[in-house]
Amino acid sequence: MRRLGDAAVVFDGRDGQTHVLPPEAVAVADWVAEFQQLNGRVSIEVLNARLCEEFGIDEHVTGYRDLLNMLQEIGVLRA
């Protein structure tokens, strides 16, 4: 992941695609990286629950799970 101001660019070597992450996705990716550094790899379900708990968000009405899945698909998140 290479930073471009508040956003970031990710090159997925598996399929050769380049993805631009908006600042919100970068903030989530940073939070996940810090969380996993402290706790090791955990499932998307655990990350989603902890992320929503951390920020006081209702996990059933947000798109954070979809965002976490997308970050995993492009290789930013390893769960």
PDB file of N, CA and C in Angstrom:
ATOM      1  N   MET A   1       0.861  -1.162   0.000  1.00  0.00           N
ATOM      2  CA  MET A   1       0.000   0.000   0.000  1.00  0.00           C
ATOM      3  C   MET A   1       0.905   1.222   0.000  1.00  0.00           C
ATOM      4  N   ARG A   2       0.712   2.088  -0.965  1.00  0.00           N
ATOM      5  CA  ARG A   2       1.488   3.317  -1.078  1.00  0.00           C
ATOM      6  C   ARG A   2       0.566   4.510  -0.857  1.00  0.00           C
ATOM      7  N   ARG A   3       0.968   5.377   0.055  1.00  0.00           N
ATOM      8  CA  ARG A   3       0.141   6.538   0.419  1.00  0.00           C
ATOM      9  C   ARG A   3       0.217   7.623  -0.650  1.00  0.00           C
ATOM     10  N   LEU A   4      -0.929   8.244  -0.879  1.00  0.00           N
ATOM     11  CA  LEU A   4      -1.043   9.423  -1.735  1.00  0.00           C
ATOM     12  C   LEU A   4      -1.884  10.435  -0.979  1.00  0.00           C
ATOM     13  N   GLY A   5      -1.245  11.222  -0.143  1.00  0.00           N
ATOM     14  CA  GLY A   5      -1.994  12.109   0.737  1.00  0.00           C
ATOM     15  C   GLY A   5      -2.755  11.274   1.743  1.00  0.00           C
ATOM     16  N   ASP A   6      -4.064  11.490   1.838  1.00  0.00           N
ATOM     17  CA  ASP A   6      -4.899  10.707   2.753  1.00  0.00           C
ATOM     18  C   ASP A   6      -5.358   9.389   2.139  1.00  0.00           C
ATOM     19  N   ALA A   7      -5.245   9.266   0.830  1.00  0.00           N
ATOM     20  CA  ALA A   7      -5.660   8.049   0.129  1.00  0.00           C
ATOM     21  C   ALA A   7      -4.455   7.121  -0.023  1.00  0.00           C
ATOM     22  N   ALA A   8      -4.665   5.997  -0.683  1.00  0.00           N
ATOM     23  CA  ALA A   8      -3.573   5.055  -0.928  1.00  0.00           C
ATOM     24  C   ALA A   8      -3.848   4.292  -2.217  1.00  0.00           C
ATOM     25  N   VAL A   9      -2.769   3.770  -2.790  1.00  0.00           N
ATOM     26  CA  VAL A   9      -2.857   2.934  -3.977  1.00  0.00           C
ATOM     27  C   VAL A   9      -2.320   1.566  -3.604  1.00  0.00           C
ATOM     28  N   VAL A  10      -3.027   0.531  -4.042  1.00  0.00           N
ATOM     29  CA  VAL A  10      -2.621  -0.843  -3.765  1.00  0.00           C
ATOM     30  C   VAL A  10      -2.504  -1.573  -5.094  1.00  0.00           C
ATOM     31  N   PHE A  11      -1.355  -2.207  -5.326  1.00  0.00           N
ATOM     32  CA  PHE A  11      -1.181  -3.052  -6.502  1.00  0.00           C
ATOM     33  C   PHE A  11      -1.378  -4.491  -6.072  1.00  0.00           C
ATOM     34  N   ASP A  12      -2.311  -5.166  -6.715  1.00  0.00           N
ATOM     35  CA  ASP A  12      -2.588  -6.568  -6.421  1.00  0.00           C
ATOM     36  C   ASP A  12      -1.798  -7.422  -7.406  1.00  0.00           C
ATOM     37  N   GLY A  13      -0.690  -7.980  -6.941  1.00  0.00           N
ATOM     38  CA  GLY A  13       0.180  -8.776  -7.785  1.00  0.00           C
ATOM     39  C   GLY A  13      -0.452 -10.060  -8.282  1.00  0.00           C
ATOM     40  N   ARG A  14      -1.522 -10.489  -7.646  1.00  0.00           N
ATOM     41  CA  ARG A  14      -2.178 -11.729  -8.064  1.00  0.00           C
ATOM     42  C   ARG A  14      -2.891 -11.578  -9.396  1.00  0.00           C
ATOM     43  N   ASP A  15      -3.484 -10.398  -9.639  1.00  0.00           N
ATOM     44  CA  ASP A  15      -4.214 -10.216 -10.895  1.00  0.00           C
ATOM     45  C   ASP A  15      -3.755  -8.990 -11.678  1.00  0.00           C
ATOM     46  N   GLY A  16      -2.751  -8.278 -11.162  1.00  0.00           N
ATOM     47  CA  GLY A  16      -2.191  -7.136 -11.867  1.00  0.00           C
ATOM     48  C   GLY A  16      -3.025  -5.875 -11.797  1.00  0.00           C
ATOM     49  N   GLN A  17      -4.056  -5.857 -10.975  1.00  0.00           N
ATOM     50  CA  GLN A  17      -4.909  -4.679 -10.874  1.00  0.00           C
ATOM     51  C   GLN A  17      -4.378  -3.703  -9.832  1.00  0.00           C
ATOM     52  N   THR A  18      -4.644  -2.430 -10.081  1.00  0.00           N
ATOM     53  CA  THR A  18      -4.302  -1.378  -9.138  1.00  0.00           C
ATOM     54  C   THR A  18      -5.602  -0.824  -8.569  1.00  0.00           C
ATOM     55  N   HIS A  19      -5.625  -0.628  -7.254  1.00  0.00           N
ATOM     56  CA  HIS A  19      -6.823  -0.145  -6.570  1.00  0.00           C
ATOM     57  C   HIS A  19      -6.485   1.143  -5.824  1.00  0.00           C
ATOM     58  N   VAL A  20      -7.373   2.118  -5.903  1.00  0.00           N
ATOM     59  CA  VAL A  20      -7.230   3.358  -5.143  1.00  0.00           C
ATOM     60  C   VAL A  20      -8.159   3.259  -3.940  1.00  0.00           C
ATOM     61  N   LEU A  21      -7.585   3.434  -2.751  1.00  0.00           N
ATOM     62  CA  LEU A  21      -8.378   3.392  -1.523  1.00  0.00           C
ATOM     63  C   LEU A  21      -8.639   4.815  -1.048  1.00  0.00           C
ATOM     64  N   PRO A  22      -9.900   5.159  -0.804  1.00  0.00           N
ATOM     65  CA  PRO A  22     -10.205   6.483  -0.267  1.00  0.00           C
ATOM     66  C   PRO A  22      -9.728   6.583   1.182  1.00  0.00           C
ATOM     67  N   PRO A  23      -9.648   7.796   1.713  1.00  0.00           N
ATOM     68  CA  PRO A  23      -9.149   7.983   3.083  1.00  0.00           C
ATOM     69  C   PRO A  23      -9.853   7.121   4.130  1.00  0.00           C
ATOM     70  N   GLU A  24     -11.162   6.924   3.994  1.00  0.00           N
ATOM     71  CA  GLU A  24     -11.893   6.120   4.976  1.00  0.00           C
ATOM     72  C   GLU A  24     -11.410   4.672   4.973  1.00  0.00           C
ATOM     73  N   ALA A  25     -11.171   4.121   3.788  1.00  0.00           N
ATOM     74  CA  ALA A  25     -10.685   2.741   3.681  1.00  0.00           C
ATOM     75  C   ALA A  25      -9.262   2.627   4.212  1.00  0.00           C
ATOM     76  N   VAL A  26      -8.449   3.652   3.992  1.00  0.00           N
ATOM     77  CA  VAL A  26      -7.081   3.663   4.517  1.00  0.00           C
ATOM     78  C   VAL A  26      -7.114   3.679   6.041  1.00  0.00           C
ATOM     79  N   ALA A  27      -8.011   4.473   6.618  1.00  0.00           N
ATOM     80  CA  ALA A  27      -8.123   4.525   8.081  1.00  0.00           C
ATOM     81  C   ALA A  27      -8.512   3.163   8.642  1.00  0.00           C
ATOM     82  N   VAL A  28      -9.442   2.476   7.982  1.00  0.00           N
ATOM     83  CA  VAL A  28      -9.839   1.138   8.430  1.00  0.00           C
ATOM     84  C   VAL A  28      -8.678   0.165   8.267  1.00  0.00           C
ATOM     85  N   ALA A  29      -7.971   0.216   7.141  1.00  0.00           N
ATOM     86  CA  ALA A  29      -6.822  -0.670   6.916  1.00  0.00           C
ATOM     87  C   ALA A  29      -5.749  -0.441   7.975  1.00  0.00           C
ATOM     88  N   ASP A  30      -5.500   0.814   8.325  1.00  0.00           N
ATOM     89  CA  ASP A  30      -4.522   1.125   9.379  1.00  0.00           C
ATOM     90  C   ASP A  30      -4.974   0.554  10.719  1.00  0.00           C
ATOM     91  N   TRP A  31      -6.263   0.721  11.041  1.00  0.00           N
ATOM     92  CA  TRP A  31      -6.783   0.196  12.304  1.00  0.00           C
ATOM     93  C   TRP A  31      -6.643  -1.317  12.345  1.00  0.00           C
ATOM     94  N   VAL A  32      -6.985  -1.987  11.248  1.00  0.00           N
ATOM     95  CA  VAL A  32      -6.884  -3.448  11.181  1.00  0.00           C
ATOM     96  C   VAL A  32      -5.435  -3.893  11.355  1.00  0.00           C
ATOM     97  N   ALA A  33      -4.505  -3.221  10.683  1.00  0.00           N
ATOM     98  CA  ALA A  33      -3.090  -3.590  10.799  1.00  0.00           C
ATOM     99  C   ALA A  33      -2.617  -3.472  12.242  1.00  0.00           C
ATOM    100  N   GLU A  34      -2.999  -2.394  12.911  1.00  0.00           N
ATOM    101  CA  GLU A  34      -2.615  -2.206  14.312  1.00  0.00           C
ATOM    102  C   GLU A  34      -3.275  -3.265  15.204  1.00  0.00           C
ATOM    103  N   PHE A  35      -4.549  -3.542  14.968  1.00  0.00           N
ATOM    104  CA  PHE A  35      -5.267  -4.546  15.755  1.00  0.00           C
ATOM    105  C   PHE A  35      -4.618  -5.914  15.592  1.00  0.00           C
ATOM    106  N   GLN A  36      -4.289  -6.280  14.349  1.00  0.00           N
ATOM    107  CA  GLN A  36      -3.699  -7.592  14.106  1.00  0.00           C
ATOM    108  C   GLN A  36      -2.268  -7.679  14.631  1.00  0.00           C
ATOM    109  N   GLN A  37      -1.570  -6.570  14.649  1.00  0.00           N
ATOM    110  CA  GLN A  37      -0.222  -6.578  15.217  1.00  0.00           C
ATOM    111  C   GLN A  37      -0.283  -6.925  16.705  1.00  0.00           C
ATOM    112  N   LEU A  38      -1.307  -6.446  17.374  1.00  0.00           N
ATOM    113  CA  LEU A  38      -1.465  -6.716  18.800  1.00  0.00           C
ATOM    114  C   LEU A  38      -2.105  -8.072  19.088  1.00  0.00           C
ATOM    115  N   ASN A  39      -2.994  -8.541  18.199  1.00  0.00           N
ATOM    116  CA  ASN A  39      -3.816  -9.722  18.475  1.00  0.00           C
ATOM    117  C   ASN A  39      -3.595 -10.899  17.533  1.00  0.00           C
ATOM    118  N   GLY A  40      -2.764 -10.735  16.520  1.00  0.00           N
ATOM    119  CA  GLY A  40      -2.591 -11.795  15.529  1.00  0.00           C
ATOM    120  C   GLY A  40      -3.738 -11.792  14.531  1.00  0.00           C
ATOM    121  N   ARG A  41      -3.675 -12.723  13.611  1.00  0.00           N
ATOM    122  CA  ARG A  41      -4.728 -12.822  12.600  1.00  0.00           C
ATOM    123  C   ARG A  41      -6.025 -13.302  13.230  1.00  0.00           C
ATOM    124  N   VAL A  42      -7.089 -12.640  12.848  1.00  0.00           N
ATOM    125  CA  VAL A  42      -8.420 -13.031  13.310  1.00  0.00           C
ATOM    126  C   VAL A  42      -9.367 -12.996  12.113  1.00  0.00           C
ATOM    127  N   SER A  43     -10.546 -13.560  12.267  1.00  0.00           N
ATOM    128  CA  SER A  43     -11.512 -13.637  11.170  1.00  0.00           C
ATOM    129  C   SER A  43     -12.108 -12.263  10.850  1.00  0.00           C
ATOM    130  N   ILE A  44     -12.694 -12.179   9.663  1.00  0.00           N
ATOM    131  CA  ILE A  44     -13.408 -10.968   9.255  1.00  0.00           C
ATOM    132  C   ILE A  44     -14.532 -10.667  10.243  1.00  0.00           C
ATOM    133  N   GLU A  45     -15.204 -11.707  10.729  1.00  0.00           N
ATOM    134  CA  GLU A  45     -16.309 -11.512  11.670  1.00  0.00           C
ATOM    135  C   GLU A  45     -15.820 -10.836  12.949  1.00  0.00           C
ATOM    136  N   VAL A  46     -14.685 -11.302  13.462  1.00  0.00           N
ATOM    137  CA  VAL A  46     -14.115 -10.714  14.681  1.00  0.00           C
ATOM    138  C   VAL A  46     -13.674  -9.282  14.412  1.00  0.00           C
ATOM    139  N   LEU A  47     -13.000  -9.054  13.283  1.00  0.00           N
ATOM    140  CA  LEU A  47     -12.562  -7.693  12.949  1.00  0.00           C
ATOM    141  C   LEU A  47     -13.748  -6.749  12.828  1.00  0.00           C
ATOM    142  N   ASN A  48     -14.797  -7.187  12.153  1.00  0.00           N
ATOM    143  CA  ASN A  48     -15.977  -6.345  11.991  1.00  0.00           C
ATOM    144  C   ASN A  48     -16.591  -6.004  13.341  1.00  0.00           C
ATOM    145  N   ALA A  49     -16.754  -7.004  14.192  1.00  0.00           N
ATOM    146  CA  ALA A  49     -17.347  -6.764  15.513  1.00  0.00           C
ATOM    147  C   ALA A  49     -16.491  -5.808  16.334  1.00  0.00           C
ATOM    148  N   ARG A  50     -15.176  -6.011  16.331  1.00  0.00           N
ATOM    149  CA  ARG A  50     -14.289  -5.155  17.124  1.00  0.00           C
ATOM    150  C   ARG A  50     -14.210  -3.742  16.558  1.00  0.00           C
ATOM    151  N   LEU A  51     -14.197  -3.622  15.241  1.00  0.00           N
ATOM    152  CA  LEU A  51     -14.168  -2.309  14.597  1.00  0.00           C
ATOM    153  C   LEU A  51     -15.421  -1.522  14.962  1.00  0.00           C
ATOM    154  N   CYS A  52     -16.573  -2.159  14.859  1.00  0.00           N
ATOM    155  CA  CYS A  52     -17.833  -1.486  15.197  1.00  0.00           C
ATOM    156  C   CYS A  52     -17.896  -1.150  16.680  1.00  0.00           C
ATOM    157  N   GLU A  53     -17.405  -2.060  17.517  1.00  0.00           N
ATOM    158  CA  GLU A  53     -17.361  -1.812  18.964  1.00  0.00           C
ATOM    159  C   GLU A  53     -16.442  -0.629  19.279  1.00  0.00           C
ATOM    160  N   GLU A  54     -15.290  -0.614  18.644  1.00  0.00           N
ATOM    161  CA  GLU A  54     -14.291   0.441  18.881  1.00  0.00           C
ATOM    162  C   GLU A  54     -14.842   1.828  18.561  1.00  0.00           C
ATOM    163  N   PHE A  55     -15.603   1.918  17.457  1.00  0.00           N
ATOM    164  CA  PHE A  55     -16.084   3.214  17.001  1.00  0.00           C
ATOM    165  C   PHE A  55     -17.560   3.457  17.289  1.00  0.00           C
ATOM    166  N   GLY A  56     -18.195   2.547  18.056  1.00  0.00           N
ATOM    167  CA  GLY A  56     -19.592   2.730  18.431  1.00  0.00           C
ATOM    168  C   GLY A  56     -20.550   2.682  17.258  1.00  0.00           C
ATOM    169  N   ILE A  57     -20.297   1.779  16.324  1.00  0.00           N
ATOM    170  CA  ILE A  57     -21.097   1.665  15.108  1.00  0.00           C
ATOM    171  C   ILE A  57     -21.929   0.388  15.187  1.00  0.00           C
ATOM    172  N   ASP A  58     -23.180   0.458  14.737  1.00  0.00           N
ATOM    173  CA  ASP A  58     -24.025  -0.739  14.682  1.00  0.00           C
ATOM    174  C   ASP A  58     -23.547  -1.608  13.527  1.00  0.00           C
ATOM    175  N   GLU A  59     -23.016  -2.783  13.834  1.00  0.00           N
ATOM    176  CA  GLU A  59     -22.424  -3.633  12.802  1.00  0.00           C
ATOM    177  C   GLU A  59     -23.439  -4.164  11.796  1.00  0.00           C
ATOM    178  N   HIS A  60     -24.728  -4.091  12.110  1.00  0.00           N
ATOM    179  CA  HIS A  60     -25.742  -4.616  11.203  1.00  0.00           C
ATOM    180  C   HIS A  60     -26.191  -3.605  10.153  1.00  0.00           C
ATOM    181  N   VAL A  61     -25.867  -2.333  10.325  1.00  0.00           N
ATOM    182  CA  VAL A  61     -26.309  -1.327   9.358  1.00  0.00           C
ATOM    183  C   VAL A  61     -25.152  -0.644   8.642  1.00  0.00           C
ATOM    184  N   THR A  62     -23.944  -1.076   8.888  1.00  0.00           N
ATOM    185  CA  THR A  62     -22.804  -0.448   8.233  1.00  0.00           C
ATOM    186  C   THR A  62     -22.267  -1.334   7.122  1.00  0.00           C
ATOM    187  N   GLY A  63     -21.410  -0.787   6.304  1.00  0.00           N
ATOM    188  CA  GLY A  63     -20.767  -1.541   5.231  1.00  0.00           C
ATOM    189  C   GLY A  63     -19.351  -1.946   5.578  1.00  0.00           C
ATOM    190  N   TYR A  64     -19.005  -1.916   6.865  1.00  0.00           N
ATOM    191  CA  TYR A  64     -17.625  -2.239   7.237  1.00  0.00           C
ATOM    192  C   TYR A  64     -17.254  -3.682   6.913  1.00  0.00           C
ATOM    193  N   ARG A  65     -18.187  -4.591   7.053  1.00  0.00           N
ATOM    194  CA  ARG A  65     -17.888  -5.992   6.719  1.00  0.00           C
ATOM    195  C   ARG A  65     -17.546  -6.111   5.236  1.00  0.00           C
ATOM    196  N   ASP A  66     -18.317  -5.420   4.377  1.00  0.00           N
ATOM    197  CA  ASP A  66     -18.019  -5.430   2.941  1.00  0.00           C
ATOM    198  C   ASP A  66     -16.653  -4.814   2.667  1.00  0.00           C
ATOM    199  N   LEU A  67     -16.342  -3.733   3.365  1.00  0.00           N
ATOM    200  CA  LEU A  67     -15.040  -3.099   3.206  1.00  0.00           C
ATOM    201  C   LEU A  67     -13.922  -4.042   3.629  1.00  0.00           C
ATOM    202  N   LEU A  68     -14.094  -4.725   4.751  1.00  0.00           N
ATOM    203  CA  LEU A  68     -13.086  -5.683   5.208  1.00  0.00           C
ATOM    204  C   LEU A  68     -12.915  -6.812   4.198  1.00  0.00           C
ATOM    205  N   ASN A  69     -14.018  -7.301   3.645  1.00  0.00           N
ATOM    206  CA  ASN A  69     -13.934  -8.342   2.617  1.00  0.00           C
ATOM    207  C   ASN A  69     -13.173  -7.845   1.395  1.00  0.00           C
ATOM    208  N   MET A  70     -13.452  -6.606   0.967  1.00  0.00           N
ATOM    209  CA  MET A  70     -12.762  -6.031  -0.182  1.00  0.00           C
ATOM    210  C   MET A  70     -11.270  -5.886   0.100  1.00  0.00           C
ATOM    211  N   LEU A  71     -10.908  -5.409   1.301  1.00  0.00           N
ATOM    212  CA  LEU A  71      -9.496  -5.271   1.660  1.00  0.00           C
ATOM    213  C   LEU A  71      -8.805  -6.626   1.659  1.00  0.00           C
ATOM    214  N   GLN A  72      -9.524  -7.655   2.075  1.00  0.00           N
ATOM    215  CA  GLN A  72      -8.951  -9.004   2.045  1.00  0.00           C
ATOM    216  C   GLN A  72      -8.771  -9.475   0.601  1.00  0.00           C
ATOM    217  N   GLU A  73      -9.753  -9.225  -0.250  1.00  0.00           N
ATOM    218  CA  GLU A  73      -9.693  -9.661  -1.644  1.00  0.00           C
ATOM    219  C   GLU A  73      -8.527  -9.037  -2.400  1.00  0.00           C
ATOM    220  N   ILE A  74      -8.184  -7.786  -2.097  1.00  0.00           N
ATOM    221  CA  ILE A  74      -7.096  -7.135  -2.832  1.00  0.00           C
ATOM    222  C   ILE A  74      -5.747  -7.291  -2.137  1.00  0.00           C
ATOM    223  N   GLY A  75      -5.712  -8.046  -1.055  1.00  0.00           N
ATOM    224  CA  GLY A  75      -4.444  -8.379  -0.420  1.00  0.00           C
ATOM    225  C   GLY A  75      -3.955  -7.430   0.654  1.00  0.00           C
ATOM    226  N   VAL A  76      -4.771  -6.443   1.027  1.00  0.00           N
ATOM    227  CA  VAL A  76      -4.374  -5.503   2.080  1.00  0.00           C
ATOM    228  C   VAL A  76      -4.549  -6.136   3.451  1.00  0.00           C
ATOM    229  N   LEU A  77      -5.579  -6.928   3.602  1.00  0.00           N
ATOM    230  CA  LEU A  77      -5.928  -7.557   4.871  1.00  0.00           C
ATOM    231  C   LEU A  77      -5.711  -9.056   4.763  1.00  0.00           C
ATOM    232  N   ARG A  78      -5.064  -9.613   5.756  1.00  0.00           N
ATOM    233  CA  ARG A  78      -4.876 -11.058   5.800  1.00  0.00           C
ATOM    234  C   ARG A  78      -5.587 -11.582   7.044  1.00  0.00           C
ATOM    235  N   ALA A  79      -6.749 -12.181   6.806  1.00  0.00           N
ATOM    236  CA  ALA A  79      -7.543 -12.695   7.932  1.00  0.00           C
ATOM    237  C   ALA A  79      -7.610 -14.206   7.870  1.00  0.00           C
TER     238      ALA A  79
END
